């Protein structure tokens, strides 16, 4: 007895289908579907500069830059950047070795790194060193370190170095997730509780405030790879020049914190200007794509009287040359557009990773 199909297809059509490999048929079907549009506005390329800019610095012959390889998605997923304010512009290859291992980066990597107490593959805490100086401790005899939390846009000004308790408070009160990933449903209640945020710990850290400055972060980790270390100072100078020309108040020095005032005071030069800070950061991957830049745009940033389209976002760019800085300032910081051909990835206010 011969088998007959239960649906009304002609024998000729069935024979044609049998000649198409399943994989090829599936691929052709997928290729007919256009990719979904990104959840943000884009421009295809960075506009050409309209004014003078520095020449790109020369790289060592044995450390070429990659100008052809794919950039899109060239970042590792993360839930939070902890930006440690070291006041220095370079560090050992492993930032946890800074100051002979007596540093906030080492403490946090001990807690959140592989095998750490709070290690969670679904909630990656990425620790970076930065050149931003720490705020001055209200008690001169007490050494403290400051840190930015992004994209939470929180500034933690005073983390005492004499005790691990403040690091635990930072971890439990700010860095652990409010809700665990569903893959953790099988954990015991005690284990689940240990990996979940406890907001009561936030009160143990004084002076915490919202970040309202635009943050321009440039990888300048010479101790890891010379390419970013060579490019970063040139880019920092360009960003400061171009931001000031657009009316930004580019701030230097430590953030001033008044413990009697819980509100963030924006800028030291008046409320009319939008403030920005430019800093060097440690390795973020992709040195061959130097210059590497992350721009964090604060949640309350405005574009005129309207909310900024990228408020609360972190936008990663690669292959940034000095000639691109003016275009990035105009398109991304002023207009809320992502430059597509330089876009490595990003993160939004809900910690969703952004791709094109």
C-alpha atoms as a PDB file:
ATOM      1  CA  UNK A   1       0.000   0.000   0.000  1.00  0.00           C
ATOM      2  CA  UNK A   2       1.432   3.376  -1.013  1.00  0.00           C
ATOM      3  CA  UNK A   3       1.412   6.284   1.442  1.00  0.00           C
ATOM      4  CA  UNK A   4      -0.603   9.364   0.468  1.00  0.00           C
ATOM      5  CA  UNK A   5      -0.207  12.783   2.064  1.00  0.00           C
ATOM      6  CA  UNK A   6      -3.046  13.899   4.283  1.00  0.00           C
ATOM      7  CA  UNK A   7      -3.005  17.408   2.824  1.00  0.00           C
ATOM      8  CA  UNK A   8      -3.959  18.349  -0.701  1.00  0.00           C
ATOM      9  CA  UNK A   9      -0.592  18.711  -2.481  1.00  0.00           C
ATOM     10  CA  UNK A  10       0.159  17.593  -5.998  1.00  0.00           C
ATOM     11  CA  UNK A  11       2.778  14.920  -6.543  1.00  0.00           C
ATOM     12  CA  UNK A  12       4.814  17.383  -8.631  1.00  0.00           C
ATOM     13  CA  UNK A  13       4.974  19.940  -5.770  1.00  0.00           C
ATOM     14  CA  UNK A  14       5.934  17.246  -3.272  1.00  0.00           C
ATOM     15  CA  UNK A  15       8.773  16.073  -5.508  1.00  0.00           C
ATOM     16  CA  UNK A  16      10.080  19.619  -5.844  1.00  0.00           C
ATOM     17  CA  UNK A  17      10.105  20.104  -2.090  1.00  0.00           C
ATOM     18  CA  UNK A  18      12.026  16.888  -1.617  1.00  0.00           C
ATOM     19  CA  UNK A  19      14.870  18.264  -3.747  1.00  0.00           C
ATOM     20  CA  UNK A  20      15.411  21.278  -1.441  1.00  0.00           C
ATOM     21  CA  UNK A  21      17.734  20.557   1.497  1.00  0.00           C
ATOM     22  CA  UNK A  22      15.959  21.301   4.751  1.00  0.00           C
ATOM     23  CA  UNK A  23      18.728  23.578   5.997  1.00  0.00           C
ATOM     24  CA  UNK A  24      18.790  25.601   2.766  1.00  0.00           C
ATOM     25  CA  UNK A  25      14.996  25.924   2.820  1.00  0.00           C
ATOM     26  CA  UNK A  26      15.052  27.149   6.407  1.00  0.00           C
ATOM     27  CA  UNK A  27      17.817  29.626   5.660  1.00  0.00           C
ATOM     28  CA  UNK A  28      16.031  31.031   2.628  1.00  0.00           C
ATOM     29  CA  UNK A  29      12.882  31.449   4.711  1.00  0.00           C
ATOM     30  CA  UNK A  30      14.754  33.291   7.446  1.00  0.00           C
ATOM     31  CA  UNK A  31      16.547  35.518   4.978  1.00  0.00           C
ATOM     32  CA  UNK A  32      13.256  36.863   3.644  1.00  0.00           C
ATOM     33  CA  UNK A  33      12.461  38.363   7.041  1.00  0.00           C
ATOM     34  CA  UNK A  34      13.982  41.805   7.503  1.00  0.00           C
ATOM     35  CA  UNK A  35      15.730  42.347  10.837  1.00  0.00           C
ATOM     36  CA  UNK A  36      13.681  44.292  13.382  1.00  0.00           C
ATOM     37  CA  UNK A  37      14.554  47.970  13.608  1.00  0.00           C
ATOM     38  CA  UNK A  38      16.750  48.954  16.573  1.00  0.00           C
ATOM     39  CA  UNK A  39      14.967  50.577  19.536  1.00  0.00           C
ATOM     40  CA  UNK A  40      16.765  53.869  18.907  1.00  0.00           C
ATOM     41  CA  UNK A  41      17.448  56.294  16.074  1.00  0.00           C
ATOM     42  CA  UNK A  42      20.577  55.754  13.998  1.00  0.00           C
ATOM     43  CA  UNK A  43      22.701  57.518  11.424  1.00  0.00           C
ATOM     44  CA  UNK A  44      24.732  55.273   9.098  1.00  0.00           C
ATOM     45  CA  UNK A  45      28.120  56.954   9.543  1.00  0.00           C
ATOM     46  CA  UNK A  46      29.750  59.672  11.583  1.00  0.00           C
ATOM     47  CA  UNK A  47      29.491  63.065   9.856  1.00  0.00           C
ATOM     48  CA  UNK A  48      32.682  64.722   8.701  1.00  0.00           C
ATOM     49  CA  UNK A  49      34.123  67.370  11.047  1.00  0.00           C
ATOM     50  CA  UNK A  50      33.316  71.005  10.352  1.00  0.00           C
ATOM     51  CA  UNK A  51      36.265  72.395  12.306  1.00  0.00           C
ATOM     52  CA  UNK A  52      39.853  71.493  13.066  1.00  0.00           C
ATOM     53  CA  UNK A  53      40.789  68.369  15.003  1.00  0.00           C
ATOM     54  CA  UNK A  54      43.939  66.535  16.027  1.00  0.00           C
ATOM     55  CA  UNK A  55      45.654  64.007  13.810  1.00  0.00           C
ATOM     56  CA  UNK A  56      45.260  60.366  14.868  1.00  0.00           C
ATOM     57  CA  UNK A  57      48.342  59.230  16.785  1.00  0.00           C
ATOM     58  CA  UNK A  58      50.706  56.743  15.174  1.00  0.00           C
ATOM     59  CA  UNK A  59      50.477  53.176  16.462  1.00  0.00           C
ATOM     60  CA  UNK A  60      53.412  50.757  16.928  1.00  0.00           C
ATOM     61  CA  UNK A  61      54.073  48.640  13.847  1.00  0.00           C
ATOM     62  CA  UNK A  62      53.493  45.431  15.817  1.00  0.00           C
ATOM     63  CA  UNK A  63      50.121  46.632  17.146  1.00  0.00           C
ATOM     64  CA  UNK A  64      47.933  47.388  14.118  1.00  0.00           C
ATOM     65  CA  UNK A  65      44.366  48.626  14.404  1.00  0.00           C
ATOM     66  CA  UNK A  66      41.458  46.610  13.003  1.00  0.00           C
ATOM     67  CA  UNK A  67      39.485  48.826  10.621  1.00  0.00           C
ATOM     68  CA  UNK A  68      37.603  46.050   8.813  1.00  0.00           C
ATOM     69  CA  UNK A  69      36.377  43.399  11.282  1.00  0.00           C
ATOM     70  CA  UNK A  70      32.787  43.381  12.594  1.00  0.00           C
ATOM     71  CA  UNK A  71      32.032  45.762  15.460  1.00  0.00           C
ATOM     72  CA  UNK A  72      28.378  45.003  16.067  1.00  0.00           C
ATOM     73  CA  UNK A  73      27.808  43.082  19.276  1.00  0.00           C
ATOM     74  CA  UNK A  74      31.513  43.229  20.184  1.00  0.00           C
ATOM     75  CA  UNK A  75      30.830  43.659  23.905  1.00  0.00           C
ATOM     76  CA  UNK A  76      30.185  41.215  26.739  1.00  0.00           C
ATOM     77  CA  UNK A  77      26.816  41.371  28.470  1.00  0.00           C
ATOM     78  CA  UNK A  78      26.659  43.012  31.877  1.00  0.00           C
ATOM     79  CA  UNK A  79      24.103  44.242  34.398  1.00  0.00           C
ATOM     80  CA  UNK A  80      26.162  46.996  36.003  1.00  0.00           C
ATOM     81  CA  UNK A  81      29.443  48.787  35.573  1.00  0.00           C
ATOM     82  CA  UNK A  82      31.195  49.655  38.818  1.00  0.00           C
ATOM     83  CA  UNK A  83      33.544  52.497  37.958  1.00  0.00           C
ATOM     84  CA  UNK A  84      36.175  52.805  40.687  1.00  0.00           C
ATOM     85  CA  UNK A  85      37.546  56.339  41.103  1.00  0.00           C
ATOM     86  CA  UNK A  86      41.317  55.863  41.409  1.00  0.00           C
ATOM     87  CA  UNK A  87      42.614  59.269  40.330  1.00  0.00           C
ATOM     88  CA  UNK A  88      45.133  57.507  38.078  1.00  0.00           C
ATOM     89  CA  UNK A  89      45.090  57.124  34.293  1.00  0.00           C
ATOM     90  CA  UNK A  90      46.776  53.713  34.090  1.00  0.00           C
ATOM     91  CA  UNK A  91      46.907  50.501  36.093  1.00  0.00           C
ATOM     92  CA  UNK A  92      48.498  47.051  36.104  1.00  0.00           C
ATOM     93  CA  UNK A  93      47.273  44.652  33.430  1.00  0.00           C
ATOM     94  CA  UNK A  94      44.980  43.104  36.057  1.00  0.00           C
ATOM     95  CA  UNK A  95      43.315  45.989  37.871  1.00  0.00           C
ATOM     96  CA  UNK A  96      42.868  43.871  41.000  1.00  0.00           C
ATOM     97  CA  UNK A  97      46.665  43.986  41.372  1.00  0.00           C
ATOM     98  CA  UNK A  98      46.608  47.774  41.745  1.00  0.00           C
ATOM     99  CA  UNK A  99      48.146  49.022  45.001  1.00  0.00           C
ATOM    100  CA  UNK A 100      49.486  45.502  45.656  1.00  0.00           C
ATOM    101  CA  UNK A 101      45.940  44.152  45.680  1.00  0.00           C
ATOM    102  CA  UNK A 102      44.644  46.500  48.370  1.00  0.00           C
ATOM    103  CA  UNK A 103      41.956  48.166  46.282  1.00  0.00           C
ATOM    104  CA  UNK A 104      38.213  48.253  45.717  1.00  0.00           C
ATOM    105  CA  UNK A 105      38.504  46.469  42.365  1.00  0.00           C
ATOM    106  CA  UNK A 106      40.116  43.471  44.075  1.00  0.00           C
ATOM    107  CA  UNK A 107      37.434  43.402  46.774  1.00  0.00           C
ATOM    108  CA  UNK A 108      34.599  43.478  44.248  1.00  0.00           C
ATOM    109  CA  UNK A 109      36.167  40.859  42.003  1.00  0.00           C
ATOM    110  CA  UNK A 110      36.504  38.631  45.075  1.00  0.00           C
ATOM    111  CA  UNK A 111      32.742  38.894  45.596  1.00  0.00           C
ATOM    112  CA  UNK A 112      31.465  38.927  41.999  1.00  0.00           C
ATOM    113  CA  UNK A 113      34.226  37.224  40.020  1.00  0.00           C
ATOM    114  CA  UNK A 114      34.235  33.580  39.012  1.00  0.00           C
ATOM    115  CA  UNK A 115      33.640  31.481  42.120  1.00  0.00           C
ATOM    116  CA  UNK A 116      32.874  34.567  44.213  1.00  0.00           C
ATOM    117  CA  UNK A 117      30.244  34.708  46.927  1.00  0.00           C
ATOM    118  CA  UNK A 118      27.776  36.585  44.701  1.00  0.00           C
ATOM    119  CA  UNK A 119      28.879  35.284  41.311  1.00  0.00           C
ATOM    120  CA  UNK A 120      25.845  35.049  39.022  1.00  0.00           C
ATOM    121  CA  UNK A 121      26.174  34.259  35.291  1.00  0.00           C
ATOM    122  CA  UNK A 122      22.822  35.970  34.664  1.00  0.00           C
ATOM    123  CA  UNK A 123      23.785  39.184  36.489  1.00  0.00           C
ATOM    124  CA  UNK A 124      27.324  40.121  35.519  1.00  0.00           C
ATOM    125  CA  UNK A 125      28.937  42.913  37.529  1.00  0.00           C
ATOM    126  CA  UNK A 126      31.735  44.468  35.474  1.00  0.00           C
ATOM    127  CA  UNK A 127      34.379  46.269  37.539  1.00  0.00           C
ATOM    128  CA  UNK A 128      36.467  48.997  35.881  1.00  0.00           C
ATOM    129  CA  UNK A 129      39.059  51.420  37.176  1.00  0.00           C
ATOM    130  CA  UNK A 130      38.757  55.051  36.146  1.00  0.00           C
ATOM    131  CA  UNK A 131      40.902  58.170  36.240  1.00  0.00           C
ATOM    132  CA  UNK A 132      38.200  60.122  38.089  1.00  0.00           C
ATOM    133  CA  UNK A 133      39.420  61.174  41.547  1.00  0.00           C
ATOM    134  CA  UNK A 134      37.512  60.045  44.618  1.00  0.00           C
ATOM    135  CA  UNK A 135      35.559  62.567  46.665  1.00  0.00           C
ATOM    136  CA  UNK A 136      37.351  63.976  49.696  1.00  0.00           C
ATOM    137  CA  UNK A 137      36.429  62.099  52.852  1.00  0.00           C
ATOM    138  CA  UNK A 138      34.594  64.201  55.477  1.00  0.00           C
ATOM    139  CA  UNK A 139      36.957  62.587  58.003  1.00  0.00           C
ATOM    140  CA  UNK A 140      40.515  63.320  56.815  1.00  0.00           C
ATOM    141  CA  UNK A 141      41.946  60.487  58.884  1.00  0.00           C
ATOM    142  CA  UNK A 142      39.705  57.949  57.088  1.00  0.00           C
ATOM    143  CA  UNK A 143      40.792  56.773  53.624  1.00  0.00           C
ATOM    144  CA  UNK A 144      37.799  56.274  51.323  1.00  0.00           C
ATOM    145  CA  UNK A 145      37.190  55.357  47.691  1.00  0.00           C
ATOM    146  CA  UNK A 146      34.359  56.552  45.440  1.00  0.00           C
ATOM    147  CA  UNK A 147      32.553  54.652  42.688  1.00  0.00           C
ATOM    148  CA  UNK A 148      30.005  55.209  39.929  1.00  0.00           C
ATOM    149  CA  UNK A 149      27.285  52.603  39.309  1.00  0.00           C
ATOM    150  CA  UNK A 150      26.086  52.523  35.692  1.00  0.00           C
ATOM    151  CA  UNK A 151      23.419  52.316  34.309  1.00  0.00           C
ATOM    152  CA  UNK A 152      21.982  52.818  37.807  1.00  0.00           C
ATOM    153  CA  UNK A 153      23.509  56.320  37.579  1.00  0.00           C
ATOM    154  CA  UNK A 154      24.418  56.365  41.258  1.00  0.00           C
ATOM    155  CA  UNK A 155      27.542  57.860  42.777  1.00  0.00           C
ATOM    156  CA  UNK A 156      28.860  56.259  45.967  1.00  0.00           C
ATOM    157  CA  UNK A 157      31.263  58.841  47.421  1.00  0.00           C
ATOM    158  CA  UNK A 158      32.604  57.258  50.596  1.00  0.00           C
ATOM    159  CA  UNK A 159      33.652  53.610  50.808  1.00  0.00           C
ATOM    160  CA  UNK A 160      36.080  53.258  53.748  1.00  0.00           C
ATOM    161  CA  UNK A 161      39.160  51.152  53.031  1.00  0.00           C
ATOM    162  CA  UNK A 162      39.634  50.098  56.658  1.00  0.00           C
ATOM    163  CA  UNK A 163      36.756  47.625  56.634  1.00  0.00           C
ATOM    164  CA  UNK A 164      35.185  45.148  54.234  1.00  0.00           C
ATOM    165  CA  UNK A 165      31.750  46.017  55.657  1.00  0.00           C
ATOM    166  CA  UNK A 166      31.281  48.929  53.250  1.00  0.00           C
ATOM    167  CA  UNK A 167      32.050  46.682  50.267  1.00  0.00           C
ATOM    168  CA  UNK A 168      29.466  44.183  51.509  1.00  0.00           C
ATOM    169  CA  UNK A 169      26.955  47.025  51.904  1.00  0.00           C
ATOM    170  CA  UNK A 170      27.661  48.155  48.341  1.00  0.00           C
ATOM    171  CA  UNK A 171      27.186  44.620  47.047  1.00  0.00           C
ATOM    172  CA  UNK A 172      24.041  43.793  49.015  1.00  0.00           C
ATOM    173  CA  UNK A 173      22.393  47.211  48.816  1.00  0.00           C
ATOM    174  CA  UNK A 174      23.148  48.238  45.232  1.00  0.00           C
ATOM    175  CA  UNK A 175      24.735  45.545  43.066  1.00  0.00           C
ATOM    176  CA  UNK A 176      22.817  42.318  43.655  1.00  0.00           C
ATOM    177  CA  UNK A 177      19.676  41.910  41.501  1.00  0.00           C
ATOM    178  CA  UNK A 178      16.284  42.837  42.901  1.00  0.00           C
ATOM    179  CA  UNK A 179      14.894  39.674  41.298  1.00  0.00           C
ATOM    180  CA  UNK A 180      16.774  36.544  40.305  1.00  0.00           C
ATOM    181  CA  UNK A 181      16.762  35.052  36.827  1.00  0.00           C
ATOM    182  CA  UNK A 182      14.258  32.204  36.369  1.00  0.00           C
ATOM    183  CA  UNK A 183      17.160  29.775  35.934  1.00  0.00           C
ATOM    184  CA  UNK A 184      17.740  30.150  39.679  1.00  0.00           C
ATOM    185  CA  UNK A 185      14.265  28.845  40.571  1.00  0.00           C
ATOM    186  CA  UNK A 186      15.744  25.532  41.693  1.00  0.00           C
ATOM    187  CA  UNK A 187      18.016  27.084  44.311  1.00  0.00           C
ATOM    188  CA  UNK A 188      17.251  26.722  47.997  1.00  0.00           C
ATOM    189  CA  UNK A 189      15.501  29.673  49.699  1.00  0.00           C
ATOM    190  CA  UNK A 190      18.684  30.445  51.654  1.00  0.00           C
ATOM    191  CA  UNK A 191      20.791  30.526  48.487  1.00  0.00           C
ATOM    192  CA  UNK A 192      18.218  32.655  46.660  1.00  0.00           C
ATOM    193  CA  UNK A 193      18.090  35.085  49.561  1.00  0.00           C
ATOM    194  CA  UNK A 194      21.889  35.426  49.562  1.00  0.00           C
ATOM    195  CA  UNK A 195      21.908  36.412  45.868  1.00  0.00           C
ATOM    196  CA  UNK A 196      19.112  39.007  46.149  1.00  0.00           C
ATOM    197  CA  UNK A 197      19.417  42.726  46.916  1.00  0.00           C
ATOM    198  CA  UNK A 198      18.654  44.071  50.414  1.00  0.00           C
ATOM    199  CA  UNK A 199      17.856  47.772  50.149  1.00  0.00           C
ATOM    200  CA  UNK A 200      18.296  48.245  53.890  1.00  0.00           C
ATOM    201  CA  UNK A 201      22.055  48.149  53.338  1.00  0.00           C
ATOM    202  CA  UNK A 202      21.894  51.315  51.227  1.00  0.00           C
ATOM    203  CA  UNK A 203      21.524  53.428  54.344  1.00  0.00           C
ATOM    204  CA  UNK A 204      24.945  52.286  55.564  1.00  0.00           C
ATOM    205  CA  UNK A 205      26.678  54.273  52.808  1.00  0.00           C
ATOM    206  CA  UNK A 206      26.406  58.057  53.325  1.00  0.00           C
ATOM    207  CA  UNK A 207      26.183  60.701  50.643  1.00  0.00           C
ATOM    208  CA  UNK A 208      24.914  58.520  47.774  1.00  0.00           C
ATOM    209  CA  UNK A 209      23.572  60.704  44.989  1.00  0.00           C
ATOM    210  CA  UNK A 210      22.174  60.556  41.484  1.00  0.00           C
ATOM    211  CA  UNK A 211      24.512  61.111  38.540  1.00  0.00           C
ATOM    212  CA  UNK A 212      23.389  63.949  36.273  1.00  0.00           C
ATOM    213  CA  UNK A 213      26.632  64.467  34.372  1.00  0.00           C
ATOM    214  CA  UNK A 214      27.146  63.087  30.877  1.00  0.00           C
ATOM    215  CA  UNK A 215      30.012  60.611  31.297  1.00  0.00           C
ATOM    216  CA  UNK A 216      32.465  60.062  28.441  1.00  0.00           C
ATOM    217  CA  UNK A 217      34.613  57.023  29.245  1.00  0.00           C
ATOM    218  CA  UNK A 218      37.655  56.313  27.076  1.00  0.00           C
ATOM    219  CA  UNK A 219      39.662  53.118  27.369  1.00  0.00           C
ATOM    220  CA  UNK A 220      43.226  54.193  28.140  1.00  0.00           C
ATOM    221  CA  UNK A 221      44.644  51.072  29.771  1.00  0.00           C
ATOM    222  CA  UNK A 222      48.258  51.216  28.595  1.00  0.00           C
ATOM    223  CA  UNK A 223      49.213  48.514  31.093  1.00  0.00           C
ATOM    224  CA  UNK A 224      46.976  46.123  29.154  1.00  0.00           C
ATOM    225  CA  UNK A 225      47.575  47.269  25.565  1.00  0.00           C
ATOM    226  CA  UNK A 226      49.367  50.316  24.176  1.00  0.00           C
ATOM    227  CA  UNK A 227      46.833  51.064  21.445  1.00  0.00           C
ATOM    228  CA  UNK A 228      44.120  52.425  23.719  1.00  0.00           C
ATOM    229  CA  UNK A 229      46.749  54.062  25.904  1.00  0.00           C
ATOM    230  CA  UNK A 230      48.104  55.997  22.915  1.00  0.00           C
ATOM    231  CA  UNK A 231      44.700  56.998  21.531  1.00  0.00           C
ATOM    232  CA  UNK A 232      42.891  57.918  24.761  1.00  0.00           C
ATOM    233  CA  UNK A 233      44.627  61.200  25.719  1.00  0.00           C
ATOM    234  CA  UNK A 234      44.111  62.609  22.222  1.00  0.00           C
ATOM    235  CA  UNK A 235      40.422  61.692  22.297  1.00  0.00           C
ATOM    236  CA  UNK A 236      39.975  63.130  25.794  1.00  0.00           C
ATOM    237  CA  UNK A 237      41.317  66.493  24.636  1.00  0.00           C
ATOM    238  CA  UNK A 238      39.039  66.423  21.582  1.00  0.00           C
ATOM    239  CA  UNK A 239      35.930  65.568  23.617  1.00  0.00           C
ATOM    240  CA  UNK A 240      36.626  68.369  26.086  1.00  0.00           C
ATOM    241  CA  UNK A 241      37.102  70.870  23.265  1.00  0.00           C
ATOM    242  CA  UNK A 242      33.998  69.825  21.333  1.00  0.00           C
ATOM    243  CA  UNK A 243      31.752  69.568  24.409  1.00  0.00           C
ATOM    244  CA  UNK A 244      32.767  73.017  25.608  1.00  0.00           C
ATOM    245  CA  UNK A 245      32.062  74.447  22.146  1.00  0.00           C
ATOM    246  CA  UNK A 246      28.537  73.034  22.424  1.00  0.00           C
ATOM    247  CA  UNK A 247      28.024  74.763  25.766  1.00  0.00           C
ATOM    248  CA  UNK A 248      28.731  71.891  28.160  1.00  0.00           C
ATOM    249  CA  UNK A 249      30.377  72.531  31.496  1.00  0.00           C
ATOM    250  CA  UNK A 250      33.224  69.989  31.480  1.00  0.00           C
ATOM    251  CA  UNK A 251      33.982  69.286  35.125  1.00  0.00           C
ATOM    252  CA  UNK A 252      37.356  68.401  36.629  1.00  0.00           C
ATOM    253  CA  UNK A 253      38.344  67.360  40.099  1.00  0.00           C
ATOM    254  CA  UNK A 254      36.400  65.256  42.603  1.00  0.00           C
ATOM    255  CA  UNK A 255      32.635  65.376  42.982  1.00  0.00           C
ATOM    256  CA  UNK A 256      31.742  67.667  45.869  1.00  0.00           C
ATOM    257  CA  UNK A 257      29.365  65.991  48.308  1.00  0.00           C
ATOM    258  CA  UNK A 258      27.399  67.784  51.014  1.00  0.00           C
ATOM    259  CA  UNK A 259      26.262  65.192  53.548  1.00  0.00           C
ATOM    260  CA  UNK A 260      23.578  67.590  54.765  1.00  0.00           C
ATOM    261  CA  UNK A 261      21.984  67.732  51.304  1.00  0.00           C
ATOM    262  CA  UNK A 262      20.616  64.549  49.742  1.00  0.00           C
ATOM    263  CA  UNK A 263      20.018  66.195  46.374  1.00  0.00           C
ATOM    264  CA  UNK A 264      22.634  66.058  43.626  1.00  0.00           C
ATOM    265  CA  UNK A 265      23.890  69.539  42.777  1.00  0.00           C
ATOM    266  CA  UNK A 266      24.541  69.580  39.043  1.00  0.00           C
ATOM    267  CA  UNK A 267      27.762  71.274  38.043  1.00  0.00           C
ATOM    268  CA  UNK A 268      29.790  73.902  39.835  1.00  0.00           C
ATOM    269  CA  UNK A 269      29.231  76.678  37.272  1.00  0.00           C
ATOM    270  CA  UNK A 270      25.464  77.113  37.508  1.00  0.00           C
ATOM    271  CA  UNK A 271      22.301  75.205  36.681  1.00  0.00           C
ATOM    272  CA  UNK A 272      21.899  76.457  33.114  1.00  0.00           C
ATOM    273  CA  UNK A 273      24.677  74.348  31.613  1.00  0.00           C
ATOM    274  CA  UNK A 274      24.600  70.598  31.185  1.00  0.00           C
ATOM    275  CA  UNK A 275      27.670  69.154  32.857  1.00  0.00           C
ATOM    276  CA  UNK A 276      29.966  66.423  31.580  1.00  0.00           C
ATOM    277  CA  UNK A 277      32.961  64.487  32.836  1.00  0.00           C
ATOM    278  CA  UNK A 278      35.611  62.798  30.696  1.00  0.00           C
ATOM    279  CA  UNK A 279      37.684  59.973  32.129  1.00  0.00           C
ATOM    280  CA  UNK A 280      40.046  57.161  31.207  1.00  0.00           C
ATOM    281  CA  UNK A 281      38.945  53.637  32.079  1.00  0.00           C
ATOM    282  CA  UNK A 282      40.548  50.216  32.215  1.00  0.00           C
ATOM    283  CA  UNK A 283      40.210  47.389  29.704  1.00  0.00           C
ATOM    284  CA  UNK A 284      36.760  46.872  28.148  1.00  0.00           C
ATOM    285  CA  UNK A 285      37.845  44.481  25.395  1.00  0.00           C
ATOM    286  CA  UNK A 286      38.643  45.153  21.771  1.00  0.00           C
ATOM    287  CA  UNK A 287      41.928  47.060  21.959  1.00  0.00           C
ATOM    288  CA  UNK A 288      42.282  46.425  18.222  1.00  0.00           C
ATOM    289  CA  UNK A 289      39.226  48.665  17.776  1.00  0.00           C
ATOM    290  CA  UNK A 290      40.878  51.669  19.491  1.00  0.00           C
ATOM    291  CA  UNK A 291      39.715  54.262  20.281  1.00  0.00           C
ATOM    292  CA  UNK A 292      37.048  52.673  22.435  1.00  0.00           C
ATOM    293  CA  UNK A 293      34.511  55.007  24.017  1.00  0.00           C
ATOM    294  CA  UNK A 294      31.450  54.498  26.229  1.00  0.00           C
ATOM    295  CA  UNK A 295      29.018  57.387  26.630  1.00  0.00           C
ATOM    296  CA  UNK A 296      26.592  57.242  29.558  1.00  0.00           C
ATOM    297  CA  UNK A 297      23.712  59.705  29.246  1.00  0.00           C
ATOM    298  CA  UNK A 298      21.927  60.400  32.566  1.00  0.00           C
ATOM    299  CA  UNK A 299      18.214  59.557  32.971  1.00  0.00           C
ATOM    300  CA  UNK A 300      17.068  63.162  33.390  1.00  0.00           C
ATOM    301  CA  UNK A 301      18.969  64.491  30.362  1.00  0.00           C
ATOM    302  CA  UNK A 302      16.840  66.718  28.141  1.00  0.00           C
ATOM    303  CA  UNK A 303      16.919  67.582  24.467  1.00  0.00           C
ATOM    304  CA  UNK A 304      15.332  70.985  24.552  1.00  0.00           C
ATOM    305  CA  UNK A 305      12.213  70.573  26.659  1.00  0.00           C
ATOM    306  CA  UNK A 306      11.804  66.888  25.777  1.00  0.00           C
ATOM    307  CA  UNK A 307      13.468  63.842  27.338  1.00  0.00           C
ATOM    308  CA  UNK A 308      16.656  62.830  25.543  1.00  0.00           C
ATOM    309  CA  UNK A 309      16.008  59.708  23.380  1.00  0.00           C
ATOM    310  CA  UNK A 310      19.040  57.935  24.890  1.00  0.00           C
ATOM    311  CA  UNK A 311      18.582  59.109  28.480  1.00  0.00           C
ATOM    312  CA  UNK A 312      19.633  56.371  30.886  1.00  0.00           C
ATOM    313  CA  UNK A 313      21.596  54.507  28.193  1.00  0.00           C
ATOM    314  CA  UNK A 314      25.216  53.521  27.769  1.00  0.00           C
ATOM    315  CA  UNK A 315      26.441  53.617  24.144  1.00  0.00           C
ATOM    316  CA  UNK A 316      29.666  51.843  23.148  1.00  0.00           C
ATOM    317  CA  UNK A 317      31.704  52.978  20.151  1.00  0.00           C
ATOM    318  CA  UNK A 318      34.844  51.551  18.554  1.00  0.00           C
ATOM    319  CA  UNK A 319      37.298  52.857  15.949  1.00  0.00           C
ATOM    320  CA  UNK A 320      36.857  56.405  17.249  1.00  0.00           C
ATOM    321  CA  UNK A 321      39.405  58.772  15.716  1.00  0.00           C
ATOM    322  CA  UNK A 322      39.815  62.442  16.685  1.00  0.00           C
ATOM    323  CA  UNK A 323      37.926  63.441  13.527  1.00  0.00           C
ATOM    324  CA  UNK A 324      34.869  61.496  14.775  1.00  0.00           C
ATOM    325  CA  UNK A 325      34.521  63.278  18.113  1.00  0.00           C
ATOM    326  CA  UNK A 326      32.601  66.299  16.811  1.00  0.00           C
ATOM    327  CA  UNK A 327      30.131  64.018  15.028  1.00  0.00           C
ATOM    328  CA  UNK A 328      29.608  61.827  18.107  1.00  0.00           C
ATOM    329  CA  UNK A 329      28.966  64.881  20.269  1.00  0.00           C
ATOM    330  CA  UNK A 330      26.478  66.316  17.775  1.00  0.00           C
ATOM    331  CA  UNK A 331      24.693  63.104  16.816  1.00  0.00           C
ATOM    332  CA  UNK A 332      24.672  61.052  20.020  1.00  0.00           C
ATOM    333  CA  UNK A 333      24.985  63.495  22.906  1.00  0.00           C
ATOM    334  CA  UNK A 334      22.988  66.375  21.390  1.00  0.00           C
ATOM    335  CA  UNK A 335      20.514  64.611  19.063  1.00  0.00           C
ATOM    336  CA  UNK A 336      20.169  61.105  20.521  1.00  0.00           C
ATOM    337  CA  UNK A 337      21.273  59.237  17.389  1.00  0.00           C
ATOM    338  CA  UNK A 338      23.531  56.178  17.398  1.00  0.00           C
ATOM    339  CA  UNK A 339      26.306  56.124  14.776  1.00  0.00           C
ATOM    340  CA  UNK A 340      25.698  52.699  13.248  1.00  0.00           C
ATOM    341  CA  UNK A 341      29.070  51.885  11.690  1.00  0.00           C
ATOM    342  CA  UNK A 342      30.946  52.625  14.950  1.00  0.00           C
ATOM    343  CA  UNK A 343      28.421  51.038  17.316  1.00  0.00           C
ATOM    344  CA  UNK A 344      29.760  48.100  19.338  1.00  0.00           C
ATOM    345  CA  UNK A 345      26.647  47.694  21.497  1.00  0.00           C
ATOM    346  CA  UNK A 346      25.033  49.277  24.498  1.00  0.00           C
ATOM    347  CA  UNK A 347      22.773  48.982  27.509  1.00  0.00           C
ATOM    348  CA  UNK A 348      19.485  50.687  28.335  1.00  0.00           C
ATOM    349  CA  UNK A 349      18.002  51.810  31.642  1.00  0.00           C
ATOM    350  CA  UNK A 350      16.369  48.385  32.144  1.00  0.00           C
ATOM    351  CA  UNK A 351      19.757  46.683  31.646  1.00  0.00           C
ATOM    352  CA  UNK A 352      18.761  45.255  28.305  1.00  0.00           C
ATOM    353  CA  UNK A 353      21.754  44.861  26.002  1.00  0.00           C
ATOM    354  CA  UNK A 354      21.414  46.853  22.777  1.00  0.00           C
ATOM    355  CA  UNK A 355      22.380  45.544  19.341  1.00  0.00           C
ATOM    356  CA  UNK A 356      21.874  46.480  15.724  1.00  0.00           C
END
